[in-house]
Amino acid sequence: MSVRIGAWKLDDVAYDRDADVLYLSIGPPRPGTGEETPEGHIVRYDDAGELMGITIVGARLLVDAGEPVYVTVSQRSEVSMQELAPALGG
C-alpha cells in the first residue's frame, strides 16, 4: 500500500489506532529531522533535506469528517479521503 501526497509517493504505511496517528514514509522509516506543519502534522526530512516521511495526527478523525486533509510540505498539498481511508483499515 502507498499514499500519494503532492509529488511524493509514501510507500511505507503504519497506522496507530489507539493514538489515531498515521505514519507514512518513503522507504523504511529512518532517523531524520522533523518539523510540525501549520496543520499540526509532522514532516520528516533526511540529512540531505529530502522529504522522507509524514505523520498525520488525528487521521481517522480527519477522514471521517469528510473534508480534504491538507499537509504543508514546501507547499500545501491535498490528500484525498480515498487515498487515506484504506491505510486506516476502511
N, C-alpha and C. Protein backbone atom coordinates (compact mmCIF):
# COMPACT_ATOMS: atom_id res chain seq x y z
N MET A 1 0.84 -1.17 0.00
CA MET A 1 0.00 0.00 0.00
C MET A 1 0.89 1.23 0.00
N SER A 2 0.41 2.26 -0.68
CA SER A 2 1.12 3.54 -0.68
C SER A 2 0.10 4.66 -0.67
N VAL A 3 0.56 5.84 -0.30
CA VAL A 3 -0.28 7.04 -0.27
C VAL A 3 0.49 8.12 -1.01
N ARG A 4 -0.19 8.80 -1.93
CA ARG A 4 0.43 9.90 -2.66
C ARG A 4 -0.01 11.22 -2.04
N ILE A 5 0.97 12.05 -1.72
CA ILE A 5 0.71 13.38 -1.19
C ILE A 5 1.53 14.33 -2.06
N GLY A 6 0.85 15.17 -2.81
CA GLY A 6 1.54 16.05 -3.73
C GLY A 6 2.37 15.22 -4.69
N ALA A 7 3.64 15.54 -4.83
CA ALA A 7 4.53 14.84 -5.75
C ALA A 7 5.15 13.58 -5.14
N TRP A 8 4.86 13.30 -3.88
CA TRP A 8 5.53 12.21 -3.18
C TRP A 8 4.65 10.98 -3.06
N LYS A 9 5.25 9.82 -3.29
CA LYS A 9 4.59 8.54 -3.08
C LYS A 9 5.21 7.93 -1.83
N LEU A 10 4.43 7.85 -0.77
CA LEU A 10 4.90 7.31 0.50
C LEU A 10 4.47 5.84 0.56
N ASP A 11 5.46 4.95 0.54
CA ASP A 11 5.16 3.53 0.34
C ASP A 11 5.28 2.66 1.59
N ASP A 12 5.63 3.25 2.72
CA ASP A 12 5.65 2.50 3.98
C ASP A 12 4.59 3.13 4.87
N VAL A 13 3.53 2.39 5.17
CA VAL A 13 2.36 2.93 5.86
C VAL A 13 2.10 2.15 7.14
N ALA A 14 1.93 2.86 8.24
CA ALA A 14 1.58 2.23 9.52
C ALA A 14 0.59 3.14 10.23
N TYR A 15 -0.45 2.53 10.80
CA TYR A 15 -1.49 3.30 11.49
C TYR A 15 -1.60 2.84 12.93
N ASP A 16 -1.52 3.77 13.87
CA ASP A 16 -1.70 3.50 15.30
C ASP A 16 -3.14 3.88 15.65
N ARG A 17 -4.01 2.87 15.75
CA ARG A 17 -5.43 3.11 16.01
C ARG A 17 -5.66 3.80 17.36
N ASP A 18 -4.93 3.38 18.38
CA ASP A 18 -5.13 3.95 19.71
C ASP A 18 -4.82 5.44 19.75
N ALA A 19 -3.78 5.85 19.07
CA ALA A 19 -3.38 7.26 19.06
C ALA A 19 -3.98 8.02 17.88
N ASP A 20 -4.59 7.31 16.93
CA ASP A 20 -5.12 7.88 15.69
C ASP A 20 -4.05 8.68 14.96
N VAL A 21 -2.92 8.01 14.74
CA VAL A 21 -1.79 8.63 14.05
C VAL A 21 -1.39 7.73 12.88
N LEU A 22 -1.27 8.33 11.71
CA LEU A 22 -0.87 7.61 10.51
C LEU A 22 0.57 7.99 10.17
N TYR A 23 1.43 6.98 10.09
CA TYR A 23 2.84 7.18 9.78
C TYR A 23 3.08 6.78 8.33
N LEU A 24 3.59 7.70 7.54
CA LEU A 24 3.85 7.47 6.12
C LEU A 24 5.33 7.76 5.86
N SER A 25 6.01 6.84 5.17
CA SER A 25 7.43 7.03 4.88
C SER A 25 7.72 6.66 3.43
N ILE A 26 8.74 7.30 2.90
CA ILE A 26 9.29 6.90 1.61
C ILE A 26 10.40 5.91 1.95
N GLY A 27 10.15 4.64 1.68
CA GLY A 27 11.07 3.59 2.12
C GLY A 27 10.87 3.34 3.60
N PRO A 28 11.67 2.46 4.18
CA PRO A 28 11.52 2.15 5.60
C PRO A 28 11.80 3.39 6.46
N PRO A 29 11.10 3.53 7.60
CA PRO A 29 11.37 4.66 8.49
C PRO A 29 12.85 4.66 8.92
N ARG A 30 13.40 5.86 9.04
CA ARG A 30 14.80 6.01 9.45
C ARG A 30 14.95 7.33 10.19
N PRO A 31 16.05 7.52 10.90
CA PRO A 31 16.24 8.77 11.63
C PRO A 31 16.30 9.97 10.69
N GLY A 32 15.82 11.08 11.17
CA GLY A 32 15.85 12.31 10.40
C GLY A 32 15.41 13.47 11.27
N THR A 33 15.11 14.57 10.64
CA THR A 33 14.67 15.77 11.32
C THR A 33 13.19 15.98 11.04
N GLY A 34 12.43 16.29 12.08
CA GLY A 34 11.00 16.52 11.90
C GLY A 34 10.63 17.96 12.19
N GLU A 35 9.57 18.40 11.50
CA GLU A 35 9.05 19.73 11.79
C GLU A 35 7.53 19.70 11.68
N GLU A 36 6.89 20.45 12.54
CA GLU A 36 5.43 20.49 12.56
C GLU A 36 4.92 21.39 11.44
N THR A 37 3.86 20.94 10.78
CA THR A 37 3.24 21.74 9.72
C THR A 37 2.21 22.68 10.35
N PRO A 38 1.75 23.67 9.61
CA PRO A 38 0.70 24.55 10.13
C PRO A 38 -0.58 23.79 10.51
N GLU A 39 -0.80 22.63 9.90
CA GLU A 39 -1.99 21.83 10.17
C GLU A 39 -1.83 20.93 11.40
N GLY A 40 -0.63 20.88 11.99
CA GLY A 40 -0.40 20.06 13.17
C GLY A 40 0.15 18.68 12.88
N HIS A 41 0.53 18.41 11.64
CA HIS A 41 1.15 17.14 11.28
C HIS A 41 2.67 17.30 11.41
N ILE A 42 3.40 16.22 11.16
CA ILE A 42 4.85 16.25 11.23
C ILE A 42 5.41 15.80 9.87
N VAL A 43 6.34 16.57 9.32
CA VAL A 43 7.06 16.14 8.12
C VAL A 43 8.49 15.85 8.55
N ARG A 44 9.06 14.80 7.96
CA ARG A 44 10.41 14.38 8.32
C ARG A 44 11.31 14.45 7.09
N TYR A 45 12.52 14.94 7.33
CA TYR A 45 13.50 15.10 6.26
C TYR A 45 14.76 14.33 6.60
N ASP A 46 15.46 13.83 5.57
CA ASP A 46 16.73 13.16 5.79
C ASP A 46 17.85 14.20 5.91
N ASP A 47 19.08 13.73 6.05
CA ASP A 47 20.22 14.64 6.22
C ASP A 47 20.44 15.56 5.03
N ALA A 48 19.99 15.14 3.85
CA ALA A 48 20.14 15.96 2.64
C ALA A 48 18.98 16.94 2.48
N GLY A 49 18.02 16.91 3.42
CA GLY A 49 16.88 17.82 3.34
C GLY A 49 15.75 17.33 2.47
N GLU A 50 15.83 16.06 2.04
CA GLU A 50 14.77 15.48 1.22
C GLU A 50 13.66 14.92 2.10
N LEU A 51 12.43 15.10 1.67
CA LEU A 51 11.28 14.55 2.40
C LEU A 51 11.41 13.04 2.47
N MET A 52 11.23 12.49 3.68
CA MET A 52 11.28 11.03 3.82
C MET A 52 10.06 10.49 4.56
N GLY A 53 9.24 11.37 5.16
CA GLY A 53 8.07 10.87 5.84
C GLY A 53 7.13 11.96 6.31
N ILE A 54 5.90 11.55 6.54
CA ILE A 54 4.86 12.45 7.03
C ILE A 54 4.06 11.70 8.09
N THR A 55 3.80 12.34 9.20
CA THR A 55 2.96 11.79 10.25
C THR A 55 1.68 12.61 10.29
N ILE A 56 0.55 11.95 10.07
CA ILE A 56 -0.74 12.64 10.08
C ILE A 56 -1.41 12.37 11.42
N VAL A 57 -1.57 13.42 12.19
CA VAL A 57 -2.16 13.34 13.53
C VAL A 57 -3.68 13.49 13.40
N GLY A 58 -4.41 12.58 14.07
CA GLY A 58 -5.88 12.63 14.01
C GLY A 58 -6.40 12.17 12.66
N ALA A 59 -5.73 11.19 12.05
CA ALA A 59 -6.05 10.76 10.69
C ALA A 59 -7.49 10.27 10.54
N ARG A 60 -7.95 9.39 11.41
CA ARG A 60 -9.32 8.86 11.31
C ARG A 60 -10.32 9.98 11.50
N LEU A 61 -10.09 10.84 12.47
CA LEU A 61 -10.98 11.98 12.72
C LEU A 61 -11.09 12.85 11.47
N LEU A 62 -9.98 13.11 10.81
CA LEU A 62 -9.98 13.94 9.61
C LEU A 62 -10.71 13.26 8.46
N VAL A 63 -10.43 11.98 8.23
CA VAL A 63 -11.10 11.26 7.15
C VAL A 63 -12.59 11.15 7.40
N ASP A 64 -12.98 10.85 8.65
CA ASP A 64 -14.39 10.72 8.97
C ASP A 64 -15.15 12.03 8.84
N ALA A 65 -14.45 13.16 8.94
CA ALA A 65 -15.09 14.47 8.79
C ALA A 65 -15.50 14.71 7.34
N GLY A 66 -14.95 13.94 6.42
CA GLY A 66 -15.35 14.05 5.02
C GLY A 66 -14.78 15.27 4.30
N GLU A 67 -13.81 15.90 4.89
CA GLU A 67 -13.18 17.08 4.29
C GLU A 67 -11.79 16.70 3.77
N PRO A 68 -11.26 17.48 2.83
CA PRO A 68 -9.88 17.21 2.40
C PRO A 68 -8.91 17.36 3.57
N VAL A 69 -7.85 16.59 3.53
CA VAL A 69 -6.79 16.68 4.53
C VAL A 69 -5.63 17.42 3.88
N TYR A 70 -5.13 18.44 4.55
CA TYR A 70 -4.03 19.22 3.99
C TYR A 70 -2.76 18.98 4.79
N VAL A 71 -1.64 18.94 4.08
CA VAL A 71 -0.32 18.83 4.68
C VAL A 71 0.58 19.81 3.96
N THR A 72 1.19 20.72 4.68
CA THR A 72 2.11 21.68 4.06
C THR A 72 3.51 21.07 4.05
N VAL A 73 3.99 20.77 2.86
CA VAL A 73 5.33 20.22 2.65
C VAL A 73 5.95 21.07 1.55
N SER A 74 6.73 22.04 1.93
CA SER A 74 7.28 23.00 0.98
C SER A 74 6.16 23.79 0.30
N GLN A 75 5.07 23.13 0.06
CA GLN A 75 3.86 23.75 -0.45
C GLN A 75 2.69 22.95 0.10
N ARG A 76 1.55 23.55 0.21
CA ARG A 76 0.38 22.86 0.74
C ARG A 76 -0.11 21.85 -0.27
N SER A 77 -0.27 20.60 0.16
CA SER A 77 -0.72 19.52 -0.71
C SER A 77 -1.95 18.87 -0.12
N GLU A 78 -2.89 18.52 -0.97
CA GLU A 78 -4.13 17.88 -0.53
C GLU A 78 -3.98 16.37 -0.61
N VAL A 79 -4.51 15.69 0.40
CA VAL A 79 -4.57 14.24 0.42
C VAL A 79 -6.05 13.87 0.38
N SER A 80 -6.44 13.09 -0.62
CA SER A 80 -7.85 12.74 -0.73
C SER A 80 -8.26 11.75 0.34
N MET A 81 -9.53 11.79 0.71
CA MET A 81 -10.05 10.81 1.67
C MET A 81 -9.88 9.41 1.12
N GLN A 82 -10.09 9.24 -0.19
CA GLN A 82 -9.96 7.93 -0.82
C GLN A 82 -8.53 7.41 -0.70
N GLU A 83 -7.57 8.31 -0.66
CA GLU A 83 -6.17 7.93 -0.54
C GLU A 83 -5.83 7.48 0.88
N LEU A 84 -6.39 8.14 1.89
CA LEU A 84 -6.06 7.83 3.28
C LEU A 84 -6.90 6.70 3.87
N ALA A 85 -8.16 6.61 3.51
CA ALA A 85 -9.08 5.66 4.13
C ALA A 85 -8.55 4.21 4.12
N PRO A 86 -8.02 3.70 3.01
CA PRO A 86 -7.53 2.31 3.03
C PRO A 86 -6.40 2.08 4.04
N ALA A 87 -5.58 3.09 4.27
CA ALA A 87 -4.49 2.95 5.23
C ALA A 87 -5.00 2.87 6.66
N LEU A 88 -6.24 3.31 6.87
CA LEU A 88 -6.85 3.29 8.20
C LEU A 88 -7.68 2.03 8.42
N GLY A 89 -7.65 1.13 7.45
CA GLY A 89 -8.40 -0.11 7.59
C GLY A 89 -9.87 0.05 7.24
N GLY A 90 -10.17 0.91 6.28
CA GLY A 90 -11.55 1.02 5.84
C GLY A 90 -12.03 2.35 5.77
